[in-house]
Amino acid sequence: MDVPRQLHIVLSVFITVFLTAAAVHAQRDACGAELNTFLPRPFNSTRFICKSVWNNFILRHSLFEDEDNVTSIVLSAAYSSGWVGIGFSNDGKMVGSSAMVGWIDNQGRAYIKQYYLSKQTSSGVKVDGGKLITADVTSAVVLYGDNIYLAFQVKYPLHIVRHSVILAYSTILPNKFLLVEHDDKMSLSFDFSSGDSVSTYYPYQLKRNHGALTIFGWGILIPLGAIVARYLRHKEPLWYYLHVLLQFLGYIIGLAGVVSGIALYNRTHSNSLHIETLAFRFLLLVLFRLLHFSFILIRTLKYENIGISTTIG
C-alpha cells in the first residue's frame, strides 16, 4: 500500500520541478519570442533578424529600411538591476565609441540614454554626448519577464553593414546618469546584413596564456631556482647547474609572458600609464638577468675548459 503512495509523491515532485523549470525557461528571451505583445512599433516586427550574441544577450535588427540607411535595433538581456548597454565603434576600441544604455530604476521608471566614451573612466563617459544619429522614432526600454529590452533606431551616413559592437552590463544602477564600471563586456564584429557573422575581438586565449606563462615562469621556476641555491649547495656542482637552468628557463618563460602581455595590452586597447611603466621595468629586468646569466655561464664554461686543459697537459 505504501509503494503507490511513494510513487505518487515522487511523480508529484518531478512534475513540479519540470513545470517550474519550464516556467523559468519561458521567462527567458529567445529568438522565437513574440515582441508585438509588449514592444511598440516599429520594434515589434516579426521580420527582424535575430541572433544570440553573448551569454544571454540577444540582438535583433531590421535591414536598412530606406535610402537613409536607418535600421531598427532591439537588444535584450536577462535583467535584475543595474544597466545594459550596446556600443558602436569605428575601430573596435571602447574609447571613442558611442553607446545606447538602458535601465530600470528602483521606482520602476525606464531610461535609455546615449553616451560617449571618451575615456576608460566614469568621468570620461558623457551622457547625451554620443555620436550616433538616431531616427525620429522614440527609443524604448521595456522590462518583460526577466529580460530588459532596449529598442532604438540608428541612421548611418553610409551603407555599412558590418560594425564593431561592444556589449556591456553592470548590476549597479547609474547615479544621476553617471555610469559605474561594467561588470563584464564583449567586443565583436556584427554583420547587420544577415546577423550570421559574429567574431569576437577579445583575446581570451591570449589572456590565459599571459597569466599562465607569467605565473609558471616568475611564480614557480624562479623561486624554485632560489630554493635550489639555498638548500642544495652541498650537491656540488649539481646545485649550481640546476639553479642556473631554472632561473634561465624562468626568465625566458617570464619574458614570453611579458611579450604576450604587451600583445594583450594592445589588443584590448588599454590605456594605463601604470601598466606600461610596470611592463617596461619588468622587460628591462628580464633582459638584464638574461645577460647576467649568459655572462656567468660563459665564464663558468671557460674556467672548466681551462681546468680540463691543465689536467690533460
Protein backbone atom coordinates (compact mmCIF):
# COMPACT_ATOMS: atom_id res chain seq x y z
CA MET A 1 0.00 0.00 0.00
CA ASP A 2 2.91 2.34 0.69
CA VAL A 3 4.54 1.83 -2.70
CA PRO A 4 1.83 3.56 -4.79
CA ARG A 5 1.78 6.45 -2.29
CA GLN A 6 5.57 6.88 -2.53
CA LEU A 7 5.39 6.68 -6.30
CA HIS A 8 2.68 9.34 -6.30
CA ILE A 9 4.89 11.64 -4.19
CA VAL A 10 7.89 11.13 -6.49
CA LEU A 11 5.79 11.84 -9.57
CA SER A 12 4.32 14.96 -7.98
CA VAL A 13 7.78 16.29 -7.12
CA PHE A 14 9.06 15.50 -10.62
CA ILE A 15 6.11 17.25 -12.30
CA THR A 16 6.51 20.29 -10.02
CA VAL A 17 10.21 20.60 -10.80
CA PHE A 18 9.56 20.15 -14.52
CA LEU A 19 6.82 22.80 -14.59
CA THR A 20 8.98 25.21 -12.58
CA ALA A 21 11.91 24.75 -14.96
CA ALA A 22 9.61 25.21 -17.93
CA ALA A 23 8.19 28.39 -16.43
CA VAL A 24 11.66 29.78 -15.77
CA HIS A 25 12.75 28.90 -19.29
CA ALA A 26 9.62 30.51 -20.70
CA GLN A 27 10.55 33.78 -18.99
CA ARG A 28 13.89 33.87 -20.80
CA ASP A 29 14.09 35.61 -24.11
CA ALA A 30 14.61 33.65 -27.31
CA CYS A 31 14.62 34.45 -31.00
CA GLY A 32 11.18 32.90 -31.34
CA ALA A 33 9.58 35.24 -28.79
CA GLU A 34 6.70 37.45 -29.91
CA LEU A 35 7.71 41.09 -29.47
CA ASN A 36 4.40 42.56 -30.62
CA THR A 37 2.83 41.84 -27.23
CA PHE A 38 4.94 44.38 -25.33
CA LEU A 39 7.16 46.43 -27.69
CA PRO A 40 5.83 49.45 -29.64
CA ARG A 41 6.12 49.89 -33.38
CA PRO A 42 8.39 49.57 -35.30
CA PHE A 43 10.30 47.38 -32.84
CA ASN A 44 7.74 44.57 -32.69
CA SER A 45 8.20 43.41 -36.26
CA THR A 46 8.31 39.69 -36.89
CA ARG A 47 10.74 40.22 -39.77
CA PHE A 48 13.69 41.17 -37.61
CA ILE A 49 16.89 39.18 -37.94
CA CYS A 50 17.68 37.64 -34.55
CA LYS A 51 21.00 36.41 -33.19
CA SER A 52 22.16 35.22 -29.78
CA VAL A 53 25.46 37.07 -29.50
CA TRP A 54 26.85 36.65 -25.97
CA ASN A 55 25.71 34.89 -22.80
CA ASN A 56 22.00 35.85 -22.54
CA PHE A 57 22.31 38.86 -24.87
CA ILE A 58 20.12 38.64 -27.96
CA LEU A 59 20.40 41.16 -30.78
CA ARG A 60 17.52 41.76 -33.17
CA HIS A 61 17.66 44.17 -36.06
CA SER A 62 15.96 45.11 -39.27
CA LEU A 63 17.62 45.50 -42.60
CA PHE A 64 18.31 49.03 -43.80
CA GLU A 65 14.79 50.29 -44.31
CA ASP A 66 15.37 53.05 -46.86
CA GLU A 67 17.95 55.10 -48.68
CA ASP A 68 18.70 56.91 -45.40
CA ASN A 69 20.37 53.76 -44.03
CA VAL A 70 18.08 53.52 -40.99
CA THR A 71 17.95 50.28 -39.04
CA SER A 72 15.89 49.28 -36.00
CA ILE A 73 17.77 47.50 -33.23
CA VAL A 74 16.42 45.59 -30.24
CA LEU A 75 18.88 44.34 -27.62
CA SER A 76 17.61 42.04 -24.88
CA ALA A 77 19.35 40.52 -21.87
CA ALA A 78 18.48 38.92 -18.55
CA TYR A 79 17.98 41.69 -16.02
CA SER A 80 17.58 42.13 -12.28
CA SER A 81 19.22 45.50 -11.63
CA GLY A 82 21.88 47.87 -12.98
CA TRP A 83 22.24 48.83 -16.62
CA VAL A 84 22.67 47.15 -20.01
CA GLY A 85 24.37 48.80 -22.97
CA ILE A 86 25.43 48.36 -26.58
CA GLY A 87 28.19 50.50 -28.07
CA PHE A 88 29.22 51.17 -31.66
CA SER A 89 32.84 51.79 -32.56
CA ASN A 90 34.67 52.59 -35.77
CA ASP A 91 37.80 50.65 -34.84
CA GLY A 92 36.69 48.16 -32.18
CA LYS A 93 38.01 50.31 -29.31
CA MET A 94 35.86 51.23 -26.35
CA VAL A 95 37.37 54.73 -26.19
CA GLY A 96 35.79 56.85 -28.89
CA SER A 97 32.64 54.76 -29.18
CA SER A 98 29.02 55.77 -28.69
CA ALA A 99 26.62 53.61 -26.71
CA MET A 100 22.92 53.23 -26.02
CA VAL A 101 22.39 52.32 -22.35
CA GLY A 102 19.12 51.38 -20.67
CA TRP A 103 17.98 50.59 -17.14
CA ILE A 104 15.00 50.45 -14.79
CA ASP A 105 15.38 52.47 -11.57
CA ASN A 106 14.14 51.47 -8.12
CA GLN A 107 10.80 53.22 -8.74
CA GLY A 108 10.22 51.21 -11.91
CA ARG A 109 10.97 54.10 -14.29
CA ALA A 110 12.64 53.17 -17.58
CA TYR A 111 15.56 55.11 -19.01
CA ILE A 112 17.53 54.90 -22.23
CA LYS A 113 20.38 57.32 -22.85
CA GLN A 114 23.13 57.76 -25.38
CA TYR A 115 26.68 58.03 -24.02
CA TYR A 116 30.02 58.95 -25.49
CA LEU A 117 33.02 57.05 -24.14
CA SER A 118 35.91 59.50 -24.26
CA LYS A 119 37.97 57.70 -21.57
CA GLN A 120 38.04 54.39 -19.73
CA THR A 121 36.85 56.06 -16.54
CA SER A 122 33.40 57.00 -15.23
CA SER A 123 34.22 60.68 -15.67
CA GLY A 124 35.01 60.04 -19.34
CA VAL A 125 31.55 58.60 -20.06
CA LYS A 126 29.46 61.56 -21.23
CA VAL A 127 25.68 61.33 -21.10
CA ASP A 128 23.80 62.64 -24.15
CA GLY A 129 27.14 63.09 -25.86
CA GLY A 130 27.17 60.16 -28.26
CA LYS A 131 27.74 60.49 -31.97
CA LEU A 132 25.03 58.05 -33.04
CA ILE A 133 22.43 59.60 -35.32
CA THR A 134 19.09 58.37 -34.06
CA ALA A 135 15.91 58.47 -36.13
CA ASP A 136 12.74 60.34 -35.26
CA VAL A 137 11.20 57.23 -33.71
CA THR A 138 11.28 57.39 -29.90
CA SER A 139 13.60 54.87 -28.28
CA ALA A 140 12.13 52.49 -25.73
CA VAL A 141 13.13 50.40 -22.74
CA VAL A 142 10.81 47.62 -21.58
CA LEU A 143 11.14 45.14 -18.74
CA TYR A 144 9.23 42.00 -19.72
CA GLY A 145 9.57 38.94 -17.53
CA ASP A 146 13.18 38.55 -16.52
CA ASN A 147 14.52 40.42 -19.54
CA ILE A 148 15.17 44.03 -20.40
CA TYR A 149 14.69 45.25 -23.97
CA LEU A 150 16.49 48.26 -25.45
CA ALA A 151 14.84 49.38 -28.68
CA PHE A 152 16.08 52.24 -30.86
CA GLN A 153 16.74 53.27 -34.44
CA VAL A 154 20.13 54.29 -35.82
CA LYS A 155 20.82 56.21 -39.01
CA TYR A 156 24.18 55.72 -40.67
CA PRO A 157 25.70 58.21 -43.11
CA LEU A 158 26.93 55.33 -45.29
CA HIS A 159 25.60 51.92 -46.17
CA ILE A 160 27.96 49.91 -43.96
CA VAL A 161 26.61 46.54 -42.94
CA ARG A 162 29.45 45.41 -40.65
CA HIS A 163 30.06 47.29 -37.42
CA SER A 164 32.21 46.85 -34.34
CA VAL A 165 29.81 46.34 -31.44
CA ILE A 166 30.53 46.43 -27.70
CA LEU A 167 28.14 44.76 -25.26
CA ALA A 168 28.36 45.50 -21.53
CA TYR A 169 26.35 45.39 -18.34
CA SER A 170 26.55 46.32 -14.67
CA THR A 171 24.45 45.27 -11.69
CA ILE A 172 24.71 48.76 -10.14
CA LEU A 173 22.23 51.45 -11.18
CA PRO A 174 23.54 54.74 -12.58
CA ASN A 175 23.74 57.59 -10.09
CA LYS A 176 22.38 60.78 -11.65
CA PHE A 177 23.01 59.26 -15.09
CA LEU A 178 26.65 58.57 -14.17
CA LEU A 179 27.56 55.01 -15.15
CA VAL A 180 29.68 52.85 -12.89
CA GLU A 181 32.24 50.48 -14.36
CA HIS A 182 30.81 47.48 -16.17
CA ASP A 183 30.85 44.04 -14.59
CA ASP A 184 31.71 42.42 -17.90
CA LYS A 185 31.87 43.28 -21.58
CA MET A 186 32.31 41.72 -25.00
CA SER A 187 33.56 43.24 -28.25
CA LEU A 188 32.52 41.69 -31.52
CA SER A 189 32.09 42.36 -35.20
CA PHE A 190 28.48 42.13 -36.31
CA ASP A 191 27.11 41.86 -39.81
CA PHE A 192 23.82 43.78 -39.91
CA SER A 193 23.04 42.43 -43.36
CA SER A 194 22.44 38.90 -42.13
CA GLY A 195 23.40 38.56 -38.46
CA ASP A 196 25.23 35.36 -39.29
CA SER A 197 28.81 36.57 -38.90
CA VAL A 198 29.86 37.22 -35.33
CA SER A 199 33.53 37.14 -34.38
CA THR A 200 34.98 38.19 -31.07
CA TYR A 201 37.77 40.70 -30.76
CA TYR A 202 38.60 39.97 -27.15
CA PRO A 203 41.66 37.66 -26.93
CA TYR A 204 40.63 35.34 -24.13
CA GLN A 205 43.20 32.70 -25.05
CA LEU A 206 45.96 35.32 -25.15
CA LYS A 207 44.86 36.49 -21.70
CA ARG A 208 45.07 32.94 -20.35
CA ASN A 209 48.47 32.41 -21.96
CA HIS A 210 49.77 35.65 -20.45
CA GLY A 211 48.69 34.61 -16.98
CA ALA A 212 49.95 31.02 -17.29
CA LEU A 213 53.38 31.98 -18.67
CA THR A 214 53.93 34.70 -16.08
CA ILE A 215 52.87 32.54 -13.14
CA PHE A 216 54.85 29.49 -14.28
CA GLY A 217 57.99 31.44 -15.20
CA TRP A 218 58.26 34.02 -12.42
CA GLY A 219 55.99 32.43 -9.85
CA ILE A 220 57.29 28.85 -9.94
CA LEU A 221 60.59 28.35 -11.79
CA ILE A 222 62.47 31.39 -10.45
CA PRO A 223 61.54 30.75 -6.78
CA LEU A 224 62.40 27.07 -7.31
CA GLY A 225 65.82 28.11 -8.60
CA ALA A 226 66.35 30.20 -5.48
CA ILE A 227 65.33 27.25 -3.28
CA VAL A 228 67.85 25.01 -5.05
CA ALA A 229 70.62 27.57 -4.44
CA ARG A 230 69.63 27.82 -0.77
CA TYR A 231 69.21 24.17 0.21
CA LEU A 232 71.27 22.10 -2.27
CA ARG A 233 74.67 23.77 -2.01
CA HIS A 234 76.16 20.54 -0.64
CA LYS A 235 75.46 18.93 -4.02
CA GLU A 236 78.45 20.36 -5.89
CA PRO A 237 78.28 21.25 -8.76
CA LEU A 238 74.75 19.98 -9.41
CA TRP A 239 73.04 22.75 -7.42
CA TYR A 240 74.68 25.42 -9.50
CA TYR A 241 73.63 23.99 -12.86
CA LEU A 242 70.09 23.39 -11.61
CA HIS A 243 69.98 26.93 -10.23
CA VAL A 244 71.15 28.48 -13.49
CA LEU A 245 68.86 26.27 -15.58
CA LEU A 246 65.76 27.02 -13.52
CA GLN A 247 66.48 30.73 -13.37
CA PHE A 248 67.21 30.88 -17.09
CA LEU A 249 64.04 28.97 -18.03
CA GLY A 250 62.04 31.04 -15.58
CA TYR A 251 63.16 34.32 -17.10
CA ILE A 252 62.70 33.04 -20.67
CA ILE A 253 59.14 31.91 -19.94
CA GLY A 254 58.54 35.11 -17.97
CA LEU A 255 59.77 37.09 -20.96
CA ALA A 256 57.25 35.24 -23.12
CA GLY A 257 54.62 36.24 -20.57
CA VAL A 258 55.68 39.89 -20.87
CA VAL A 259 55.51 39.75 -24.66
CA SER A 260 52.05 38.17 -24.55
CA GLY A 261 51.04 40.81 -22.01
CA ILE A 262 52.14 43.59 -24.35
CA ALA A 263 50.16 41.97 -27.16
CA LEU A 264 47.15 41.66 -24.85
CA TYR A 265 47.53 45.30 -23.83
CA ASN A 266 47.48 46.39 -27.47
CA ARG A 267 44.65 44.06 -28.49
CA THR A 268 42.36 45.23 -25.67
CA HIS A 269 43.20 48.89 -26.33
CA SER A 270 44.11 49.55 -22.72
CA ASN A 271 45.29 52.99 -21.75
CA SER A 272 47.09 52.81 -18.40
CA LEU A 273 50.41 54.51 -17.77
CA HIS A 274 50.99 52.32 -14.70
CA ILE A 275 50.72 49.11 -16.72
CA GLU A 276 53.04 50.48 -19.40
CA THR A 277 55.64 51.52 -16.80
CA LEU A 278 55.42 48.21 -14.95
CA ALA A 279 55.76 46.17 -18.14
CA PHE A 280 58.75 48.25 -19.28
CA ARG A 281 60.53 47.76 -15.95
CA PHE A 282 59.88 44.02 -15.97
CA LEU A 283 61.20 43.81 -19.51
CA LEU A 284 64.40 45.63 -18.56
CA LEU A 285 64.81 43.36 -15.54
CA VAL A 286 64.38 40.25 -17.66
CA LEU A 287 66.90 41.41 -20.25
CA PHE A 288 69.42 42.36 -17.56
CA ARG A 289 69.11 38.98 -15.82
CA LEU A 290 69.42 37.09 -19.09
CA LEU A 291 72.62 38.96 -19.92
CA HIS A 292 73.89 38.28 -16.41
CA PHE A 293 73.15 34.56 -16.68
CA SER A 294 74.82 34.40 -20.08
CA PHE A 295 77.94 36.09 -18.72
CA ILE A 296 78.14 33.71 -15.74
CA LEU A 297 77.57 30.65 -17.93
CA ILE A 298 80.24 31.67 -20.43
CA ARG A 299 82.71 32.39 -17.65
CA THR A 300 81.97 29.06 -15.94
CA LEU A 301 82.42 27.07 -19.13
CA LYS A 302 85.65 28.95 -19.86
CA TYR A 303 87.12 28.10 -16.46
CA GLU A 304 86.05 24.47 -16.80
CA ASN A 305 87.75 24.20 -20.19
CA ILE A 306 90.93 25.75 -18.75
CA GLY A 307 90.87 23.28 -15.88
CA ILE A 308 90.39 20.35 -18.24
CA SER A 309 93.25 21.51 -20.48
CA THR A 310 95.57 21.95 -17.49
CA THR A 311 94.72 18.49 -16.23
CA ILE A 312 95.36 16.90 -19.59
CA GLY A 313 98.60 18.82 -20.03
